[in-house]
Amino acid sequence: MSIIPFAPVERVIREAGAKRVSESAGVALAEILEQHGHKIAKEAVRLANHAGRKTIRAEDIELAFDMMISKGE
């Protein structure tokens, strides 16, 4: 079970153009978003630690995401 609630995920899918969203579709996307979010967050923590910081900044998240995309993940 995902920690990301169905309602926000449903809104994302609807904003992408869907008229209706099944619960299973929302749950599937939430799980995928959570998996990728976890990978990004873990890399952001590594980047902040490398910079000698305990606080994760937006730029850590953005750089971690860019790194993930460049690796083709």
N, C-alpha and C. Protein backbone atom coordinates (compact mmCIF):
# COMPACT_ATOMS: atom_id res chain seq x y z
N MET A 1 0.84 -1.19 0.00
CA MET A 1 0.00 0.00 0.00
C MET A 1 0.88 1.25 0.00
N SER A 2 0.50 2.20 -0.80
CA SER A 2 1.28 3.43 -0.96
C SER A 2 0.97 4.44 0.16
N ILE A 3 1.94 5.29 0.43
CA ILE A 3 1.70 6.36 1.40
C ILE A 3 1.12 7.60 0.72
N ILE A 4 1.12 7.60 -0.61
CA ILE A 4 0.55 8.72 -1.36
C ILE A 4 -0.94 8.47 -1.52
N PRO A 5 -1.79 9.40 -1.08
CA PRO A 5 -3.24 9.20 -1.15
C PRO A 5 -3.75 9.16 -2.60
N PHE A 6 -4.86 8.45 -2.77
CA PHE A 6 -5.46 8.27 -4.10
C PHE A 6 -5.93 9.59 -4.69
N ALA A 7 -6.56 10.45 -3.90
CA ALA A 7 -7.18 11.67 -4.44
C ALA A 7 -6.19 12.56 -5.20
N PRO A 8 -5.02 12.87 -4.66
CA PRO A 8 -4.09 13.70 -5.42
C PRO A 8 -3.59 13.02 -6.70
N VAL A 9 -3.40 11.71 -6.63
CA VAL A 9 -2.96 10.97 -7.81
C VAL A 9 -4.05 10.99 -8.87
N GLU A 10 -5.28 10.83 -8.43
CA GLU A 10 -6.42 10.90 -9.36
C GLU A 10 -6.45 12.27 -10.04
N ARG A 11 -6.21 13.34 -9.28
CA ARG A 11 -6.20 14.68 -9.87
C ARG A 11 -5.11 14.82 -10.92
N VAL A 12 -3.95 14.24 -10.66
CA VAL A 12 -2.85 14.29 -11.63
C VAL A 12 -3.28 13.60 -12.92
N ILE A 13 -3.89 12.45 -12.80
CA ILE A 13 -4.32 11.70 -13.99
C ILE A 13 -5.41 12.47 -14.72
N ARG A 14 -6.34 13.07 -13.99
CA ARG A 14 -7.40 13.86 -14.62
C ARG A 14 -6.83 15.09 -15.33
N GLU A 15 -5.84 15.73 -14.72
CA GLU A 15 -5.21 16.89 -15.35
C GLU A 15 -4.46 16.50 -16.62
N ALA A 16 -4.11 15.22 -16.72
CA ALA A 16 -3.47 14.71 -17.94
C ALA A 16 -4.49 14.43 -19.03
N GLY A 17 -5.78 14.56 -18.69
CA GLY A 17 -6.82 14.42 -19.70
C GLY A 17 -7.81 13.28 -19.50
N ALA A 18 -7.66 12.48 -18.46
CA ALA A 18 -8.57 11.37 -18.22
C ALA A 18 -9.93 11.87 -17.76
N LYS A 19 -10.98 11.25 -18.26
CA LYS A 19 -12.34 11.57 -17.81
C LYS A 19 -12.68 10.80 -16.54
N ARG A 20 -12.23 9.54 -16.50
CA ARG A 20 -12.49 8.68 -15.35
C ARG A 20 -11.18 7.97 -14.98
N VAL A 21 -11.04 7.66 -13.69
CA VAL A 21 -9.83 7.01 -13.21
C VAL A 21 -10.23 5.86 -12.28
N SER A 22 -9.82 4.65 -12.62
CA SER A 22 -10.11 3.53 -11.73
C SER A 22 -9.21 3.61 -10.51
N GLU A 23 -9.67 3.01 -9.44
CA GLU A 23 -8.87 3.00 -8.22
C GLU A 23 -7.56 2.26 -8.45
N SER A 24 -7.61 1.17 -9.23
CA SER A 24 -6.38 0.41 -9.48
C SER A 24 -5.36 1.22 -10.26
N ALA A 25 -5.83 2.08 -11.17
CA ALA A 25 -4.92 2.95 -11.92
C ALA A 25 -4.27 3.97 -10.99
N GLY A 26 -5.06 4.55 -10.10
CA GLY A 26 -4.52 5.51 -9.14
C GLY A 26 -3.52 4.88 -8.20
N VAL A 27 -3.84 3.68 -7.73
CA VAL A 27 -2.93 2.97 -6.83
C VAL A 27 -1.63 2.62 -7.56
N ALA A 28 -1.74 2.16 -8.81
CA ALA A 28 -0.55 1.81 -9.58
C ALA A 28 0.35 3.01 -9.77
N LEU A 29 -0.22 4.16 -10.14
CA LEU A 29 0.60 5.36 -10.34
C LEU A 29 1.20 5.81 -9.01
N ALA A 30 0.44 5.76 -7.94
CA ALA A 30 0.95 6.16 -6.63
C ALA A 30 2.15 5.31 -6.23
N GLU A 31 2.08 4.01 -6.49
CA GLU A 31 3.20 3.13 -6.14
C GLU A 31 4.43 3.45 -6.98
N ILE A 32 4.23 3.73 -8.26
CA ILE A 32 5.35 4.08 -9.14
C ILE A 32 5.96 5.41 -8.71
N LEU A 33 5.12 6.40 -8.42
CA LEU A 33 5.62 7.70 -7.98
C LEU A 33 6.40 7.57 -6.67
N GLU A 34 5.89 6.72 -5.78
CA GLU A 34 6.57 6.53 -4.51
C GLU A 34 7.93 5.86 -4.71
N GLN A 35 8.00 4.87 -5.58
CA GLN A 35 9.28 4.19 -5.85
C GLN A 35 10.31 5.18 -6.41
N HIS A 36 9.90 5.95 -7.40
CA HIS A 36 10.82 6.91 -7.99
C HIS A 36 11.14 8.03 -7.00
N GLY A 37 10.15 8.46 -6.25
CA GLY A 37 10.38 9.49 -5.23
C GLY A 37 11.38 9.05 -4.18
N HIS A 38 11.30 7.79 -3.80
CA HIS A 38 12.24 7.24 -2.82
C HIS A 38 13.67 7.26 -3.38
N LYS A 39 13.83 6.86 -4.64
CA LYS A 39 15.16 6.88 -5.27
C LYS A 39 15.71 8.30 -5.33
N ILE A 40 14.87 9.25 -5.72
CA ILE A 40 15.29 10.65 -5.82
C ILE A 40 15.67 11.18 -4.44
N ALA A 41 14.82 10.90 -3.45
CA ALA A 41 15.09 11.39 -2.08
C ALA A 41 16.38 10.80 -1.54
N LYS A 42 16.61 9.53 -1.78
CA LYS A 42 17.84 8.89 -1.29
C LYS A 42 19.08 9.53 -1.90
N GLU A 43 19.03 9.81 -3.20
CA GLU A 43 20.15 10.46 -3.86
C GLU A 43 20.31 11.90 -3.36
N ALA A 44 19.20 12.59 -3.11
CA ALA A 44 19.26 13.96 -2.58
C ALA A 44 19.91 13.98 -1.20
N VAL A 45 19.61 12.99 -0.39
CA VAL A 45 20.24 12.89 0.93
C VAL A 45 21.75 12.70 0.77
N ARG A 46 22.14 11.84 -0.16
CA ARG A 46 23.57 11.61 -0.42
C ARG A 46 24.26 12.90 -0.85
N LEU A 47 23.59 13.65 -1.74
CA LEU A 47 24.16 14.91 -2.22
C LEU A 47 24.32 15.93 -1.08
N ALA A 48 23.30 16.03 -0.24
CA ALA A 48 23.37 16.97 0.89
C ALA A 48 24.47 16.56 1.86
N ASN A 49 24.55 15.27 2.14
CA ASN A 49 25.61 14.79 3.05
C ASN A 49 26.99 15.09 2.47
N HIS A 50 27.14 14.88 1.17
CA HIS A 50 28.42 15.16 0.51
C HIS A 50 28.79 16.64 0.63
N ALA A 51 27.78 17.50 0.62
CA ALA A 51 28.00 18.94 0.76
C ALA A 51 28.15 19.36 2.23
N GLY A 52 28.08 18.38 3.14
CA GLY A 52 28.24 18.69 4.56
C GLY A 52 26.98 19.26 5.20
N ARG A 53 25.84 19.00 4.60
CA ARG A 53 24.57 19.51 5.13
C ARG A 53 23.68 18.38 5.61
N LYS A 54 22.83 18.70 6.59
CA LYS A 54 21.81 17.77 7.05
C LYS A 54 20.46 18.09 6.42
N THR A 55 20.32 19.30 5.92
CA THR A 55 19.06 19.76 5.34
C THR A 55 19.05 19.49 3.84
N ILE A 56 17.97 18.86 3.40
CA ILE A 56 17.79 18.61 1.96
C ILE A 56 17.15 19.86 1.37
N ARG A 57 17.76 20.38 0.32
CA ARG A 57 17.26 21.57 -0.36
C ARG A 57 16.60 21.20 -1.67
N ALA A 58 15.83 22.13 -2.21
CA ALA A 58 15.17 21.90 -3.49
C ALA A 58 16.18 21.56 -4.57
N GLU A 59 17.32 22.23 -4.55
CA GLU A 59 18.33 21.95 -5.58
C GLU A 59 18.90 20.53 -5.47
N ASP A 60 18.90 19.95 -4.26
CA ASP A 60 19.32 18.56 -4.10
C ASP A 60 18.33 17.62 -4.80
N ILE A 61 17.05 17.89 -4.60
CA ILE A 61 16.00 17.09 -5.23
C ILE A 61 16.09 17.23 -6.75
N GLU A 62 16.23 18.46 -7.21
CA GLU A 62 16.28 18.70 -8.66
C GLU A 62 17.50 18.05 -9.30
N LEU A 63 18.66 18.15 -8.64
CA LEU A 63 19.87 17.53 -9.17
C LEU A 63 19.74 16.01 -9.15
N ALA A 64 19.20 15.46 -8.07
CA ALA A 64 19.00 14.01 -7.98
C ALA A 64 18.07 13.54 -9.10
N PHE A 65 17.02 14.30 -9.37
CA PHE A 65 16.09 13.94 -10.45
C PHE A 65 16.80 14.00 -11.80
N ASP A 66 17.56 15.06 -12.04
CA ASP A 66 18.30 15.18 -13.29
C ASP A 66 19.28 14.03 -13.46
N MET A 67 19.94 13.63 -12.38
CA MET A 67 20.87 12.52 -12.43
C MET A 67 20.15 11.22 -12.77
N MET A 68 18.97 11.04 -12.20
CA MET A 68 18.19 9.83 -12.46
C MET A 68 17.75 9.78 -13.92
N ILE A 69 17.34 10.92 -14.46
CA ILE A 69 16.91 11.00 -15.85
C ILE A 69 18.10 10.72 -16.78
N SER A 70 19.25 11.31 -16.46
CA SER A 70 20.41 11.11 -17.34
C SER A 70 20.89 9.66 -17.34
N LYS A 71 20.59 8.92 -16.25
CA LYS A 71 20.94 7.51 -16.18
C LYS A 71 19.90 6.65 -16.90
N GLY A 72 18.79 7.26 -17.28
CA GLY A 72 17.73 6.52 -17.98
C GLY A 72 16.84 5.73 -17.04
N GLU A 73 16.75 6.15 -15.80
CA GLU A 73 15.90 5.43 -14.82
C GLU A 73 14.49 5.95 -14.84
